[in-house]
Each structure stands twice: as structure tokens, then as C-alpha cells.
Amino acid sequence: MLRNGKTIESLMVSESGMYALLVHHFVPENRNLRQWLSNEVIPTLRESKAAVDNIPSLSSLQWAGISVPLLHWQHQAWIKWRDMPDLMQVQRPFKIMGTCS
């Protein structure tokens, strides 16, 4: 992180990581911290978040009875390569005719 023109090391955690830490490392004394993060910090961050095309966003593709994670980035929809076999097995775009010899 850059602070006052100098690079400093900082430990950072994502929103989902923060919730995982609070849930899996439960300490009763952290009740006020949990409430502050959940009720004030996260809602404030979400309200001030601007929609920008350069920021990737996630959704899911519901197709032929399955759900596949979908990443939207730079005006494109991206599907993980490892999810493609699932999509292709569910519904083929065309009928395969004939045999290989």
C-alpha cells in the first residue's frame, strides 16, 4: 500500500474473508467488532461503491437446469474453462450424425 509516497506492507482481507474470520474464529469479546463491521462498515462501503466497467462482477448463468459462475469484465462474459464440459454435456448445440472409422 502507498502511504505518504512510501510503499508499506499491509495485511488486507476481502469482505468474504472478513466474514469467514468472524464466523470461524468466534470470540465472544469480538461482539462489538462484529456488529460494527456488519452494521456500519460493510453497508457504507457498498453504498459508496461506484459501478465501473473495469471492475469485474460475478453472477451465475442458469442454463438447461444447471448453474455456472459467470464473470463480467470489460463488456464480456467469461466462463471458467473447467465449467465448459458441464455446459457442453447438458445440451449440445447440434445433433451429431454418423460414425468415425
N, C-alpha and C. Protein backbone atom coordinates (compact mmCIF):
# COMPACT_ATOMS: atom_id res chain seq x y z
N MET A 1 0.85 -1.16 0.00
CA MET A 1 0.00 0.00 0.00
C MET A 1 0.90 1.23 0.00
N LEU A 2 0.45 2.27 -0.68
CA LEU A 2 1.22 3.51 -0.77
C LEU A 2 0.67 4.50 0.25
N ARG A 3 1.52 4.98 1.14
CA ARG A 3 1.12 5.96 2.15
C ARG A 3 2.20 7.02 2.24
N ASN A 4 1.80 8.28 2.06
CA ASN A 4 2.73 9.41 2.10
C ASN A 4 3.90 9.21 1.15
N GLY A 5 3.62 8.66 -0.02
CA GLY A 5 4.65 8.46 -1.02
C GLY A 5 5.56 7.28 -0.77
N LYS A 6 5.33 6.51 0.28
CA LYS A 6 6.16 5.35 0.59
C LYS A 6 5.32 4.08 0.52
N THR A 7 5.94 3.03 0.03
CA THR A 7 5.28 1.74 -0.02
C THR A 7 5.43 1.05 1.32
N ILE A 8 4.30 0.67 1.91
CA ILE A 8 4.33 -0.05 3.18
C ILE A 8 3.58 -1.37 3.02
N GLU A 9 4.00 -2.37 3.76
CA GLU A 9 3.31 -3.65 3.74
C GLU A 9 2.06 -3.56 4.59
N SER A 10 0.97 -4.11 4.06
CA SER A 10 -0.30 -4.09 4.79
C SER A 10 -0.98 -5.43 4.64
N LEU A 11 -1.59 -5.88 5.69
CA LEU A 11 -2.39 -7.09 5.65
C LEU A 11 -3.81 -6.69 5.30
N MET A 12 -4.34 -7.27 4.22
CA MET A 12 -5.69 -6.92 3.79
C MET A 12 -6.51 -8.19 3.69
N VAL A 13 -7.81 -8.04 3.89
CA VAL A 13 -8.71 -9.18 3.80
C VAL A 13 -9.96 -8.74 3.04
N SER A 14 -10.50 -9.63 2.23
CA SER A 14 -11.71 -9.32 1.47
C SER A 14 -12.93 -9.34 2.38
N GLU A 15 -14.05 -8.88 1.86
CA GLU A 15 -15.29 -8.89 2.65
C GLU A 15 -15.66 -10.31 3.05
N SER A 16 -15.61 -11.24 2.09
CA SER A 16 -15.96 -12.63 2.42
C SER A 16 -14.95 -13.23 3.39
N GLY A 17 -13.68 -12.84 3.24
CA GLY A 17 -12.66 -13.30 4.18
C GLY A 17 -12.90 -12.78 5.58
N MET A 18 -13.37 -11.53 5.67
CA MET A 18 -13.66 -10.95 6.98
C MET A 18 -14.78 -11.72 7.66
N TYR A 19 -15.84 -12.02 6.90
CA TYR A 19 -16.95 -12.78 7.49
C TYR A 19 -16.48 -14.17 7.91
N ALA A 20 -15.65 -14.80 7.10
CA ALA A 20 -15.14 -16.13 7.46
C ALA A 20 -14.32 -16.07 8.74
N LEU A 21 -13.49 -15.05 8.88
CA LEU A 21 -12.72 -14.90 10.11
C LEU A 21 -13.62 -14.71 11.32
N LEU A 22 -14.65 -13.89 11.17
CA LEU A 22 -15.55 -13.63 12.30
C LEU A 22 -16.37 -14.87 12.67
N VAL A 23 -16.73 -15.68 11.69
CA VAL A 23 -17.54 -16.87 11.95
C VAL A 23 -16.69 -18.01 12.48
N HIS A 24 -15.56 -18.28 11.83
CA HIS A 24 -14.75 -19.45 12.18
C HIS A 24 -13.82 -19.22 13.36
N HIS A 25 -13.57 -17.99 13.70
CA HIS A 25 -12.72 -17.67 14.85
C HIS A 25 -13.54 -16.86 15.84
N PHE A 26 -14.64 -17.46 16.25
CA PHE A 26 -15.59 -16.77 17.12
C PHE A 26 -14.99 -16.55 18.50
N VAL A 27 -15.00 -15.29 18.90
CA VAL A 27 -14.58 -14.90 20.25
C VAL A 27 -15.69 -13.99 20.78
N PRO A 28 -16.35 -14.38 21.88
CA PRO A 28 -17.46 -13.57 22.39
C PRO A 28 -17.11 -12.10 22.60
N GLU A 29 -15.87 -11.82 22.96
CA GLU A 29 -15.46 -10.43 23.21
C GLU A 29 -15.47 -9.59 21.93
N ASN A 30 -15.51 -10.23 20.76
CA ASN A 30 -15.50 -9.50 19.49
C ASN A 30 -16.90 -9.11 19.02
N ARG A 31 -17.89 -9.23 19.89
CA ARG A 31 -19.27 -8.94 19.51
C ARG A 31 -19.41 -7.51 18.97
N ASN A 32 -18.84 -6.54 19.66
CA ASN A 32 -18.94 -5.15 19.20
C ASN A 32 -18.25 -4.95 17.86
N LEU A 33 -17.12 -5.62 17.65
CA LEU A 33 -16.42 -5.53 16.38
C LEU A 33 -17.28 -6.12 15.26
N ARG A 34 -17.87 -7.29 15.50
CA ARG A 34 -18.73 -7.93 14.50
C ARG A 34 -19.91 -7.02 14.14
N GLN A 35 -20.54 -6.44 15.15
CA GLN A 35 -21.68 -5.57 14.89
C GLN A 35 -21.27 -4.31 14.12
N TRP A 36 -20.15 -3.73 14.49
CA TRP A 36 -19.68 -2.53 13.81
C TRP A 36 -19.38 -2.82 12.34
N LEU A 37 -18.65 -3.92 12.08
CA LEU A 37 -18.33 -4.28 10.70
C LEU A 37 -19.58 -4.59 9.90
N SER A 38 -20.48 -5.39 10.48
CA SER A 38 -21.68 -5.82 9.76
C SER A 38 -22.70 -4.70 9.57
N ASN A 39 -22.86 -3.86 10.57
CA ASN A 39 -23.93 -2.86 10.53
C ASN A 39 -23.50 -1.48 10.02
N GLU A 40 -22.20 -1.18 10.07
CA GLU A 40 -21.76 0.15 9.65
C GLU A 40 -20.74 0.13 8.51
N VAL A 41 -19.66 -0.63 8.68
CA VAL A 41 -18.58 -0.58 7.70
C VAL A 41 -19.02 -1.14 6.35
N ILE A 42 -19.50 -2.37 6.32
CA ILE A 42 -19.87 -3.00 5.05
C ILE A 42 -20.99 -2.24 4.34
N PRO A 43 -22.09 -1.86 5.01
CA PRO A 43 -23.11 -1.08 4.29
C PRO A 43 -22.58 0.24 3.72
N THR A 44 -21.70 0.90 4.45
CA THR A 44 -21.12 2.16 3.95
C THR A 44 -20.27 1.91 2.72
N LEU A 45 -19.46 0.86 2.73
CA LEU A 45 -18.64 0.53 1.57
C LEU A 45 -19.50 0.19 0.36
N ARG A 46 -20.56 -0.55 0.59
CA ARG A 46 -21.44 -0.93 -0.52
C ARG A 46 -22.16 0.27 -1.10
N GLU A 47 -22.59 1.20 -0.26
CA GLU A 47 -23.28 2.40 -0.74
C GLU A 47 -22.37 3.29 -1.57
N SER A 48 -21.11 3.37 -1.19
CA SER A 48 -20.18 4.28 -1.88
C SER A 48 -19.52 3.64 -3.08
N LYS A 49 -19.79 2.37 -3.32
CA LYS A 49 -19.16 1.67 -4.44
C LYS A 49 -19.77 2.14 -5.75
N ALA A 50 -18.93 2.61 -6.65
CA ALA A 50 -19.40 3.08 -7.95
C ALA A 50 -19.30 1.95 -8.96
N ALA A 51 -20.26 1.89 -9.85
CA ALA A 51 -20.23 0.87 -10.91
C ALA A 51 -19.24 1.32 -11.98
N VAL A 52 -18.22 0.54 -12.17
CA VAL A 52 -17.18 0.85 -13.15
C VAL A 52 -16.98 -0.38 -14.02
N ASP A 53 -16.86 -0.17 -15.34
CA ASP A 53 -16.70 -1.30 -16.25
C ASP A 53 -15.40 -2.06 -16.04
N ASN A 54 -14.39 -1.40 -15.50
CA ASN A 54 -13.10 -2.06 -15.30
C ASN A 54 -13.09 -2.97 -14.09
N ILE A 55 -14.13 -2.91 -13.27
CA ILE A 55 -14.19 -3.75 -12.08
C ILE A 55 -15.00 -4.99 -12.41
N PRO A 56 -14.41 -6.17 -12.30
CA PRO A 56 -15.15 -7.40 -12.59
C PRO A 56 -16.31 -7.61 -11.62
N SER A 57 -17.39 -8.21 -12.11
CA SER A 57 -18.51 -8.56 -11.24
C SER A 57 -18.92 -10.00 -11.54
N LEU A 58 -19.50 -10.64 -10.54
CA LEU A 58 -19.89 -12.04 -10.67
C LEU A 58 -21.40 -12.18 -10.73
N SER A 59 -21.84 -13.16 -11.47
CA SER A 59 -23.24 -13.57 -11.49
C SER A 59 -23.24 -15.07 -11.77
N SER A 60 -24.39 -15.61 -12.06
CA SER A 60 -24.43 -17.02 -12.43
C SER A 60 -25.30 -17.19 -13.66
N LEU A 61 -24.93 -18.14 -14.48
CA LEU A 61 -25.65 -18.47 -15.69
C LEU A 61 -26.53 -19.67 -15.39
N GLN A 62 -27.84 -19.53 -15.54
CA GLN A 62 -28.77 -20.63 -15.35
C GLN A 62 -29.12 -21.14 -16.74
N TRP A 63 -28.68 -22.37 -17.04
CA TRP A 63 -28.91 -22.88 -18.38
C TRP A 63 -29.11 -24.38 -18.32
N ALA A 64 -30.19 -24.84 -18.91
CA ALA A 64 -30.50 -26.27 -19.01
C ALA A 64 -30.44 -26.96 -17.66
N GLY A 65 -30.94 -26.29 -16.63
CA GLY A 65 -31.03 -26.92 -15.32
C GLY A 65 -29.78 -26.88 -14.47
N ILE A 66 -28.72 -26.24 -14.94
CA ILE A 66 -27.50 -26.12 -14.12
C ILE A 66 -27.16 -24.65 -13.93
N SER A 67 -26.36 -24.39 -12.93
CA SER A 67 -25.90 -23.04 -12.63
C SER A 67 -24.38 -23.00 -12.76
N VAL A 68 -23.89 -22.05 -13.53
CA VAL A 68 -22.45 -21.91 -13.76
C VAL A 68 -22.04 -20.48 -13.41
N PRO A 69 -20.94 -20.31 -12.63
CA PRO A 69 -20.47 -18.96 -12.32
C PRO A 69 -20.07 -18.20 -13.59
N LEU A 70 -20.41 -16.93 -13.63
CA LEU A 70 -20.14 -16.10 -14.79
C LEU A 70 -19.46 -14.81 -14.32
N LEU A 71 -18.35 -14.45 -14.96
CA LEU A 71 -17.62 -13.23 -14.63
C LEU A 71 -17.88 -12.21 -15.73
N HIS A 72 -18.30 -11.00 -15.35
CA HIS A 72 -18.50 -9.91 -16.31
C HIS A 72 -17.33 -8.95 -16.16
N TRP A 73 -16.61 -8.73 -17.28
CA TRP A 73 -15.43 -7.86 -17.23
C TRP A 73 -15.17 -7.31 -18.62
N GLN A 74 -14.95 -6.03 -18.70
CA GLN A 74 -14.64 -5.32 -19.94
C GLN A 74 -15.67 -5.63 -21.04
N HIS A 75 -16.94 -5.53 -20.68
CA HIS A 75 -18.06 -5.75 -21.61
C HIS A 75 -18.07 -7.16 -22.19
N GLN A 76 -17.52 -8.12 -21.47
CA GLN A 76 -17.51 -9.52 -21.90
C GLN A 76 -18.00 -10.40 -20.76
N ALA A 77 -18.60 -11.52 -21.10
CA ALA A 77 -18.98 -12.53 -20.11
C ALA A 77 -17.97 -13.67 -20.20
N TRP A 78 -17.44 -14.09 -19.06
CA TRP A 78 -16.39 -15.11 -19.02
C TRP A 78 -16.88 -16.30 -18.20
N ILE A 79 -16.61 -17.50 -18.71
CA ILE A 79 -16.93 -18.74 -18.01
C ILE A 79 -15.61 -19.47 -17.78
N LYS A 80 -15.46 -20.06 -16.61
CA LYS A 80 -14.23 -20.80 -16.32
C LYS A 80 -14.10 -21.98 -17.28
N TRP A 81 -12.91 -22.21 -17.75
CA TRP A 81 -12.64 -23.31 -18.67
C TRP A 81 -13.09 -24.64 -18.08
N ARG A 82 -12.89 -24.82 -16.78
CA ARG A 82 -13.24 -26.10 -16.15
C ARG A 82 -14.76 -26.31 -16.08
N ASP A 83 -15.56 -25.24 -16.25
CA ASP A 83 -17.02 -25.38 -16.25
C ASP A 83 -17.57 -25.71 -17.64
N MET A 84 -16.78 -25.57 -18.67
CA MET A 84 -17.26 -25.80 -20.03
C MET A 84 -17.73 -27.24 -20.27
N PRO A 85 -17.03 -28.28 -19.80
CA PRO A 85 -17.55 -29.64 -20.04
C PRO A 85 -18.96 -29.83 -19.49
N ASP A 86 -19.27 -29.25 -18.34
CA ASP A 86 -20.61 -29.37 -17.78
C ASP A 86 -21.65 -28.74 -18.71
N LEU A 87 -21.33 -27.59 -19.26
CA LEU A 87 -22.26 -26.93 -20.17
C LEU A 87 -22.45 -27.72 -21.45
N MET A 88 -21.36 -28.25 -21.97
CA MET A 88 -21.43 -28.96 -23.24
C MET A 88 -22.15 -30.30 -23.11
N GLN A 89 -22.09 -30.95 -21.95
CA GLN A 89 -22.76 -32.24 -21.77
C GLN A 89 -24.25 -32.07 -21.58
N VAL A 90 -24.67 -30.96 -21.02
CA VAL A 90 -26.09 -30.77 -20.73
C VAL A 90 -26.89 -30.65 -22.01
N GLN A 91 -26.43 -29.85 -22.93
CA GLN A 91 -27.19 -29.62 -24.15
C GLN A 91 -26.20 -29.35 -25.29
N ARG A 92 -26.23 -30.19 -26.29
CA ARG A 92 -25.35 -29.99 -27.43
C ARG A 92 -26.03 -29.03 -28.41
N PRO A 93 -25.27 -28.14 -29.03
CA PRO A 93 -25.87 -27.17 -29.94
C PRO A 93 -26.36 -27.79 -31.24
N PHE A 94 -25.87 -28.98 -31.58
CA PHE A 94 -26.29 -29.62 -32.82
C PHE A 94 -26.24 -31.13 -32.63
N LYS A 95 -27.00 -31.83 -33.47
CA LYS A 95 -27.05 -33.28 -33.39
C LYS A 95 -25.84 -33.87 -34.11
N ILE A 96 -25.18 -34.83 -33.49
CA ILE A 96 -24.02 -35.47 -34.09
C ILE A 96 -24.50 -36.64 -34.93
N MET A 97 -24.12 -36.66 -36.21
CA MET A 97 -24.57 -37.69 -37.14
C MET A 97 -23.37 -38.50 -37.61
N GLY A 98 -23.57 -39.77 -37.91
CA GLY A 98 -22.54 -40.59 -38.50
C GLY A 98 -21.61 -41.20 -37.46
N THR A 99 -20.62 -41.90 -37.95
CA THR A 99 -19.64 -42.55 -37.09
C THR A 99 -18.24 -42.26 -37.59
N CYS A 100 -17.28 -42.47 -36.73
CA CYS A 100 -15.88 -42.31 -37.10
C CYS A 100 -15.34 -43.68 -37.48
N SER A 101 -14.55 -43.75 -38.53
CA SER A 101 -13.96 -45.04 -38.89
C SER A 101 -12.47 -44.99 -38.86
